[in-house]
């Protein structure tokens, strides 16, 4: 399985599906084809956006997806 490093809506759906099926982020990331370090990078990025450290008008599409994913996790 190819490793994914770009956040897309499909990757988010795959992660959500696998996270719901297991209690291990490592296993869920492996099943979704996402490196664990990338997963935590996305979460850190989303947390920074949520904390207001980023200007929302300057966000990339991937950063907006991170932020939306972070909101969904809350």
PDB file of N, CA and C in Angstrom:
ATOM      1  N   UNK A   1       0.843  -1.167   0.000  1.00  0.00           N
ATOM      2  CA  UNK A   1       0.000   0.000   0.000  1.00  0.00           C
ATOM      3  C   UNK A   1       0.895   1.239   0.000  1.00  0.00           C
ATOM      4  N   UNK A   2       0.562   2.175  -0.831  1.00  0.00           N
ATOM      5  CA  UNK A   2       1.330   3.415  -0.922  1.00  0.00           C
ATOM      6  C   UNK A   2       1.055   4.287   0.292  1.00  0.00           C
ATOM      7  N   UNK A   3       2.084   4.968   0.748  1.00  0.00           N
ATOM      8  CA  UNK A   3       1.935   5.885   1.871  1.00  0.00           C
ATOM      9  C   UNK A   3       1.395   7.211   1.372  1.00  0.00           C
ATOM     10  N   UNK A   4       0.474   7.766   2.102  1.00  0.00           N
ATOM     11  CA  UNK A   4      -0.144   9.041   1.725  1.00  0.00           C
ATOM     12  C   UNK A   4       0.426  10.144   2.611  1.00  0.00           C
ATOM     13  N   UNK A   5       0.822  11.226   1.993  1.00  0.00           N
ATOM     14  CA  UNK A   5       1.308  12.347   2.782  1.00  0.00           C
ATOM     15  C   UNK A   5       0.516  13.616   2.516  1.00  0.00           C
ATOM     16  N   UNK A   6      -0.420  13.566   1.590  1.00  0.00           N
ATOM     17  CA  UNK A   6      -1.289  14.716   1.327  1.00  0.00           C
ATOM     18  C   UNK A   6      -2.645  14.457   1.954  1.00  0.00           C
ATOM     19  N   UNK A   7      -3.123  15.429   2.661  1.00  0.00           N
ATOM     20  CA  UNK A   7      -4.419  15.296   3.305  1.00  0.00           C
ATOM     21  C   UNK A   7      -5.515  15.610   2.307  1.00  0.00           C
ATOM     22  N   UNK A   8      -6.415  14.660   2.138  1.00  0.00           N
ATOM     23  CA  UNK A   8      -7.560  14.830   1.251  1.00  0.00           C
ATOM     24  C   UNK A   8      -8.797  14.363   2.013  1.00  0.00           C
ATOM     25  N   UNK A   9      -9.949  14.654   1.462  1.00  0.00           N
ATOM     26  CA  UNK A   9     -11.182  14.195   2.100  1.00  0.00           C
ATOM     27  C   UNK A   9     -11.232  12.678   2.158  1.00  0.00           C
ATOM     28  N   UNK A  10     -10.710  11.993   1.133  1.00  0.00           N
ATOM     29  CA  UNK A  10     -10.688  10.529   1.129  1.00  0.00           C
ATOM     30  C   UNK A  10      -9.806   9.993   2.253  1.00  0.00           C
ATOM     31  N   UNK A  11      -8.652  10.606   2.457  1.00  0.00           N
ATOM     32  CA  UNK A  11      -7.749  10.177   3.527  1.00  0.00           C
ATOM     33  C   UNK A  11      -8.430  10.375   4.880  1.00  0.00           C
ATOM     34  N   UNK A  12      -9.111  11.498   5.057  1.00  0.00           N
ATOM     35  CA  UNK A  12      -9.820  11.751   6.308  1.00  0.00           C
ATOM     36  C   UNK A  12     -10.890  10.683   6.541  1.00  0.00           C
ATOM     37  N   UNK A  13     -11.641  10.349   5.503  1.00  0.00           N
ATOM     38  CA  UNK A  13     -12.672   9.314   5.638  1.00  0.00           C
ATOM     39  C   UNK A  13     -12.049   7.966   5.987  1.00  0.00           C
ATOM     40  N   UNK A  14     -10.923   7.628   5.335  1.00  0.00           N
ATOM     41  CA  UNK A  14     -10.236   6.367   5.636  1.00  0.00           C
ATOM     42  C   UNK A  14      -9.742   6.350   7.081  1.00  0.00           C
ATOM     43  N   UNK A  15      -9.149   7.452   7.517  1.00  0.00           N
ATOM     44  CA  UNK A  15      -8.681   7.536   8.900  1.00  0.00           C
ATOM     45  C   UNK A  15      -9.829   7.392   9.884  1.00  0.00           C
ATOM     46  N   UNK A  16     -10.919   8.109   9.641  1.00  0.00           N
ATOM     47  CA  UNK A  16     -12.081   8.022  10.536  1.00  0.00           C
ATOM     48  C   UNK A  16     -12.597   6.590  10.620  1.00  0.00           C
ATOM     49  N   UNK A  17     -12.688   5.943   9.479  1.00  0.00           N
ATOM     50  CA  UNK A  17     -13.184   4.565   9.440  1.00  0.00           C
ATOM     51  C   UNK A  17     -12.295   3.652  10.275  1.00  0.00           C
ATOM     52  N   UNK A  18     -10.997   3.756  10.091  1.00  0.00           N
ATOM     53  CA  UNK A  18     -10.076   2.867  10.794  1.00  0.00           C
ATOM     54  C   UNK A  18      -9.920   3.237  12.263  1.00  0.00           C
ATOM     55  N   UNK A  19     -10.025   4.514  12.594  1.00  0.00           N
ATOM     56  CA  UNK A  19      -9.967   4.926  14.003  1.00  0.00           C
ATOM     57  C   UNK A  19     -11.182   4.387  14.753  1.00  0.00           C
ATOM     58  N   UNK A  20     -12.334   4.369  14.096  1.00  0.00           N
ATOM     59  CA  UNK A  20     -13.549   3.837  14.736  1.00  0.00           C
ATOM     60  C   UNK A  20     -13.448   2.323  14.957  1.00  0.00           C
ATOM     61  N   UNK A  21     -12.639   1.646  14.143  1.00  0.00           N
ATOM     62  CA  UNK A  21     -12.531   0.190  14.235  1.00  0.00           C
ATOM     63  C   UNK A  21     -11.461  -0.276  15.208  1.00  0.00           C
ATOM     64  N   UNK A  22     -10.580   0.608  15.622  1.00  0.00           N
ATOM     65  CA  UNK A  22      -9.499   0.218  16.516  1.00  0.00           C
ATOM     66  C   UNK A  22      -9.220   1.339  17.500  1.00  0.00           C
ATOM     67  N   UNK A  23      -8.631   1.002  18.611  1.00  0.00           N
ATOM     68  CA  UNK A  23      -8.279   2.028  19.593  1.00  0.00           C
ATOM     69  C   UNK A  23      -6.849   2.515  19.405  1.00  0.00           C
ATOM     70  N   UNK A  24      -6.143   1.958  18.449  1.00  0.00           N
ATOM     71  CA  UNK A  24      -4.748   2.315  18.225  1.00  0.00           C
ATOM     72  C   UNK A  24      -4.596   3.243  17.020  1.00  0.00           C
ATOM     73  N   UNK A  25      -4.043   4.431  17.266  1.00  0.00           N
ATOM     74  CA  UNK A  25      -3.792   5.365  16.167  1.00  0.00           C
ATOM     75  C   UNK A  25      -2.788   4.756  15.197  1.00  0.00           C
ATOM     76  N   UNK A  26      -1.791   4.037  15.719  1.00  0.00           N
ATOM     77  CA  UNK A  26      -0.772   3.423  14.847  1.00  0.00           C
ATOM     78  C   UNK A  26      -1.405   2.428  13.880  1.00  0.00           C
ATOM     79  N   UNK A  27      -2.297   1.602  14.377  1.00  0.00           N
ATOM     80  CA  UNK A  27      -2.959   0.619  13.515  1.00  0.00           C
ATOM     81  C   UNK A  27      -3.865   1.327  12.513  1.00  0.00           C
ATOM     82  N   UNK A  28      -4.629   2.308  12.979  1.00  0.00           N
ATOM     83  CA  UNK A  28      -5.531   3.046  12.090  1.00  0.00           C
ATOM     84  C   UNK A  28      -4.745   3.740  10.980  1.00  0.00           C
ATOM     85  N   UNK A  29      -3.626   4.366  11.341  1.00  0.00           N
ATOM     86  CA  UNK A  29      -2.797   5.031  10.332  1.00  0.00           C
ATOM     87  C   UNK A  29      -2.244   4.020   9.338  1.00  0.00           C
ATOM     88  N   UNK A  30      -1.782   2.884   9.840  1.00  0.00           N
ATOM     89  CA  UNK A  30      -1.257   1.838   8.958  1.00  0.00           C
ATOM     90  C   UNK A  30      -2.308   1.346   7.983  1.00  0.00           C
ATOM     91  N   UNK A  31      -3.525   1.134   8.468  1.00  0.00           N
ATOM     92  CA  UNK A  31      -4.613   0.673   7.608  1.00  0.00           C
ATOM     93  C   UNK A  31      -4.994   1.727   6.567  1.00  0.00           C
ATOM     94  N   UNK A  32      -4.898   2.991   6.941  1.00  0.00           N
ATOM     95  CA  UNK A  32      -5.255   4.083   6.025  1.00  0.00           C
ATOM     96  C   UNK A  32      -4.081   4.473   5.122  1.00  0.00           C
ATOM     97  N   UNK A  33      -2.901   3.910   5.395  1.00  0.00           N
ATOM     98  CA  UNK A  33      -1.736   4.221   4.569  1.00  0.00           C
ATOM     99  C   UNK A  33      -1.125   5.579   4.876  1.00  0.00           C
ATOM    100  N   UNK A  34      -1.295   6.031   6.112  1.00  0.00           N
ATOM    101  CA  UNK A  34      -0.771   7.333   6.527  1.00  0.00           C
ATOM    102  C   UNK A  34       0.315   7.114   7.578  1.00  0.00           C
ATOM    103  N   UNK A  35       1.517   7.666   7.367  1.00  0.00           N
ATOM    104  CA  UNK A  35       2.539   7.547   8.409  1.00  0.00           C
ATOM    105  C   UNK A  35       2.053   8.209   9.707  1.00  0.00           C
ATOM    106  N   UNK A  36       2.347   7.586  10.834  1.00  0.00           N
ATOM    107  CA  UNK A  36       1.921   8.114  12.120  1.00  0.00           C
ATOM    108  C   UNK A  36       2.462   9.530  12.322  1.00  0.00           C
ATOM    109  N   UNK A  37       3.696   9.762  11.915  1.00  0.00           N
ATOM    110  CA  UNK A  37       4.282  11.102  12.076  1.00  0.00           C
ATOM    111  C   UNK A  37       3.504  12.142  11.272  1.00  0.00           C
ATOM    112  N   UNK A  38       3.027  11.757  10.104  1.00  0.00           N
ATOM    113  CA  UNK A  38       2.229  12.667   9.282  1.00  0.00           C
ATOM    114  C   UNK A  38       0.898  12.956   9.959  1.00  0.00           C
ATOM    115  N   UNK A  39       0.290  11.922  10.517  1.00  0.00           N
ATOM    116  CA  UNK A  39      -0.973  12.088  11.235  1.00  0.00           C
ATOM    117  C   UNK A  39      -0.811  13.108  12.361  1.00  0.00           C
ATOM    118  N   UNK A  40       0.232  12.969  13.176  1.00  0.00           N
ATOM    119  CA  UNK A  40       0.438  13.895  14.288  1.00  0.00           C
ATOM    120  C   UNK A  40       0.853  15.286  13.801  1.00  0.00           C
ATOM    121  N   UNK A  41       1.526  15.370  12.668  1.00  0.00           N
ATOM    122  CA  UNK A  41       1.833  16.669  12.073  1.00  0.00           C
ATOM    123  C   UNK A  41       0.544  17.387  11.707  1.00  0.00           C
ATOM    124  N   UNK A  42      -0.401  16.656  11.086  1.00  0.00           N
ATOM    125  CA  UNK A  42      -1.692  17.247  10.723  1.00  0.00           C
ATOM    126  C   UNK A  42      -2.434  17.730  11.955  1.00  0.00           C
ATOM    127  N   UNK A  43      -2.411  16.929  13.020  1.00  0.00           N
ATOM    128  CA  UNK A  43      -3.102  17.329  14.244  1.00  0.00           C
ATOM    129  C   UNK A  43      -2.462  18.576  14.861  1.00  0.00           C
ATOM    130  N   UNK A  44      -1.139  18.624  14.847  1.00  0.00           N
ATOM    131  CA  UNK A  44      -0.431  19.796  15.381  1.00  0.00           C
ATOM    132  C   UNK A  44      -0.770  21.040  14.563  1.00  0.00           C
ATOM    133  N   UNK A  45      -0.784  20.868  13.246  1.00  0.00           N
ATOM    134  CA  UNK A  45      -1.127  21.974  12.353  1.00  0.00           C
ATOM    135  C   UNK A  45      -2.545  22.468  12.654  1.00  0.00           C
ATOM    136  N   UNK A  46      -3.465  21.545  12.816  1.00  0.00           N
ATOM    137  CA  UNK A  46      -4.859  21.898  13.101  1.00  0.00           C
ATOM    138  C   UNK A  46      -4.985  22.593  14.450  1.00  0.00           C
ATOM    139  N   UNK A  47      -4.235  22.121  15.440  1.00  0.00           N
ATOM    140  CA  UNK A  47      -4.280  22.748  16.766  1.00  0.00           C
ATOM    141  C   UNK A  47      -3.778  24.184  16.696  1.00  0.00           C
ATOM    142  N   UNK A  48      -2.723  24.429  15.940  1.00  0.00           N
ATOM    143  CA  UNK A  48      -2.196  25.784  15.787  1.00  0.00           C
ATOM    144  C   UNK A  48      -3.225  26.699  15.125  1.00  0.00           C
ATOM    145  N   UNK A  49      -3.921  26.176  14.143  1.00  0.00           N
ATOM    146  CA  UNK A  49      -4.963  26.959  13.467  1.00  0.00           C
ATOM    147  C   UNK A  49      -6.099  27.246  14.445  1.00  0.00           C
ATOM    148  N   UNK A  50      -6.506  26.219  15.190  1.00  0.00           N
ATOM    149  CA  UNK A  50      -7.600  26.379  16.151  1.00  0.00           C
ATOM    150  C   UNK A  50      -7.238  27.359  17.259  1.00  0.00           C
ATOM    151  N   UNK A  51      -5.966  27.399  17.626  1.00  0.00           N
ATOM    152  CA  UNK A  51      -5.512  28.312  18.676  1.00  0.00           C
ATOM    153  C   UNK A  51      -5.362  29.739  18.168  1.00  0.00           C
ATOM    154  N   UNK A  52      -5.585  29.939  16.889  1.00  0.00           N
ATOM    155  CA  UNK A  52      -5.526  31.271  16.328  1.00  0.00           C
ATOM    156  C   UNK A  52      -4.138  31.749  15.972  1.00  0.00           C
ATOM    157  N   UNK A  53      -3.188  30.815  15.873  1.00  0.00           N
ATOM    158  CA  UNK A  53      -1.819  31.188  15.539  1.00  0.00           C
ATOM    159  C   UNK A  53      -1.632  31.373  14.038  1.00  0.00           C
ATOM    160  N   UNK A  54      -2.626  31.013  13.264  1.00  0.00           N
ATOM    161  CA  UNK A  54      -2.555  31.124  11.809  1.00  0.00           C
ATOM    162  C   UNK A  54      -3.668  32.054  11.327  1.00  0.00           C
ATOM    163  N   UNK A  55      -3.384  32.856  10.329  1.00  0.00           N
ATOM    164  CA  UNK A  55      -4.391  33.710   9.706  1.00  0.00           C
ATOM    165  C   UNK A  55      -5.204  32.839   8.748  1.00  0.00           C
ATOM    166  N   UNK A  56      -6.497  32.683   9.036  1.00  0.00           N
ATOM    167  CA  UNK A  56      -7.332  31.774   8.240  1.00  0.00           C
ATOM    168  C   UNK A  56      -7.390  32.136   6.763  1.00  0.00           C
ATOM    169  N   UNK A  57      -7.220  33.389   6.437  1.00  0.00           N
ATOM    170  CA  UNK A  57      -7.271  33.790   5.023  1.00  0.00           C
ATOM    171  C   UNK A  57      -6.040  33.314   4.247  1.00  0.00           C
ATOM    172  N   UNK A  58      -5.002  32.929   4.964  1.00  0.00           N
ATOM    173  CA  UNK A  58      -3.765  32.475   4.309  1.00  0.00           C
ATOM    174  C   UNK A  58      -3.628  30.957   4.292  1.00  0.00           C
ATOM    175  N   UNK A  59      -4.652  30.247   4.728  1.00  0.00           N
ATOM    176  CA  UNK A  59      -4.580  28.789   4.817  1.00  0.00           C
ATOM    177  C   UNK A  59      -4.660  28.132   3.447  1.00  0.00           C
ATOM    178  N   UNK A  60      -3.890  27.045   3.297  1.00  0.00           N
ATOM    179  CA  UNK A  60      -3.979  26.240   2.084  1.00  0.00           C
ATOM    180  C   UNK A  60      -5.178  25.306   2.201  1.00  0.00           C
ATOM    181  N   UNK A  61      -5.516  24.655   1.107  1.00  0.00           N
ATOM    182  CA  UNK A  61      -6.629  23.703   1.115  1.00  0.00           C
ATOM    183  C   UNK A  61      -6.356  22.583   2.124  1.00  0.00           C
ATOM    184  N   UNK A  62      -5.116  22.097   2.165  1.00  0.00           N
ATOM    185  CA  UNK A  62      -4.753  21.028   3.095  1.00  0.00           C
ATOM    186  C   UNK A  62      -4.878  21.504   4.550  1.00  0.00           C
ATOM    187  N   UNK A  63      -4.480  22.732   4.816  1.00  0.00           N
ATOM    188  CA  UNK A  63      -4.586  23.260   6.172  1.00  0.00           C
ATOM    189  C   UNK A  63      -6.040  23.422   6.597  1.00  0.00           C
ATOM    190  N   UNK A  64      -6.897  23.819   5.675  1.00  0.00           N
ATOM    191  CA  UNK A  64      -8.324  23.930   5.980  1.00  0.00           C
ATOM    192  C   UNK A  64      -8.897  22.556   6.294  1.00  0.00           C
ATOM    193  N   UNK A  65      -8.483  21.532   5.556  1.00  0.00           N
ATOM    194  CA  UNK A  65      -8.925  20.163   5.847  1.00  0.00           C
ATOM    195  C   UNK A  65      -8.444  19.730   7.226  1.00  0.00           C
ATOM    196  N   UNK A  66      -7.199  20.056   7.581  1.00  0.00           N
ATOM    197  CA  UNK A  66      -6.666  19.740   8.914  1.00  0.00           C
ATOM    198  C   UNK A  66      -7.546  20.371   9.985  1.00  0.00           C
ATOM    199  N   UNK A  67      -7.846  21.639   9.796  1.00  0.00           N
ATOM    200  CA  UNK A  67      -8.632  22.373  10.768  1.00  0.00           C
ATOM    201  C   UNK A  67     -10.030  21.778  10.900  1.00  0.00           C
ATOM    202  N   UNK A  68     -10.651  21.455   9.779  1.00  0.00           N
ATOM    203  CA  UNK A  68     -11.984  20.850   9.809  1.00  0.00           C
ATOM    204  C   UNK A  68     -11.955  19.484  10.484  1.00  0.00           C
ATOM    205  N   UNK A  69     -10.882  18.722  10.238  1.00  0.00           N
ATOM    206  CA  UNK A  69     -10.731  17.407  10.863  1.00  0.00           C
ATOM    207  C   UNK A  69     -10.582  17.577  12.375  1.00  0.00           C
ATOM    208  N   UNK A  70      -9.812  18.574  12.791  1.00  0.00           N
ATOM    209  CA  UNK A  70      -9.605  18.834  14.216  1.00  0.00           C
ATOM    210  C   UNK A  70     -10.939  19.164  14.893  1.00  0.00           C
ATOM    211  N   UNK A  71     -11.743  19.978  14.244  1.00  0.00           N
ATOM    212  CA  UNK A  71     -13.057  20.341  14.788  1.00  0.00           C
ATOM    213  C   UNK A  71     -13.917  19.088  14.922  1.00  0.00           C
ATOM    214  N   UNK A  72     -13.863  18.207  13.930  1.00  0.00           N
ATOM    215  CA  UNK A  72     -14.657  16.976  13.964  1.00  0.00           C
ATOM    216  C   UNK A  72     -14.225  16.057  15.106  1.00  0.00           C
ATOM    217  N   UNK A  73     -12.946  16.099  15.480  1.00  0.00           N
ATOM    218  CA  UNK A  73     -12.450  15.239  16.559  1.00  0.00           C
ATOM    219  C   UNK A  73     -12.903  15.696  17.938  1.00  0.00           C
ATOM    220  N   UNK A  74     -13.235  16.963  18.056  1.00  0.00           N
ATOM    221  CA  UNK A  74     -13.615  17.501  19.373  1.00  0.00           C
ATOM    222  C   UNK A  74     -14.926  17.007  19.829  1.00  0.00           C
TER     223      UNK A  74
END
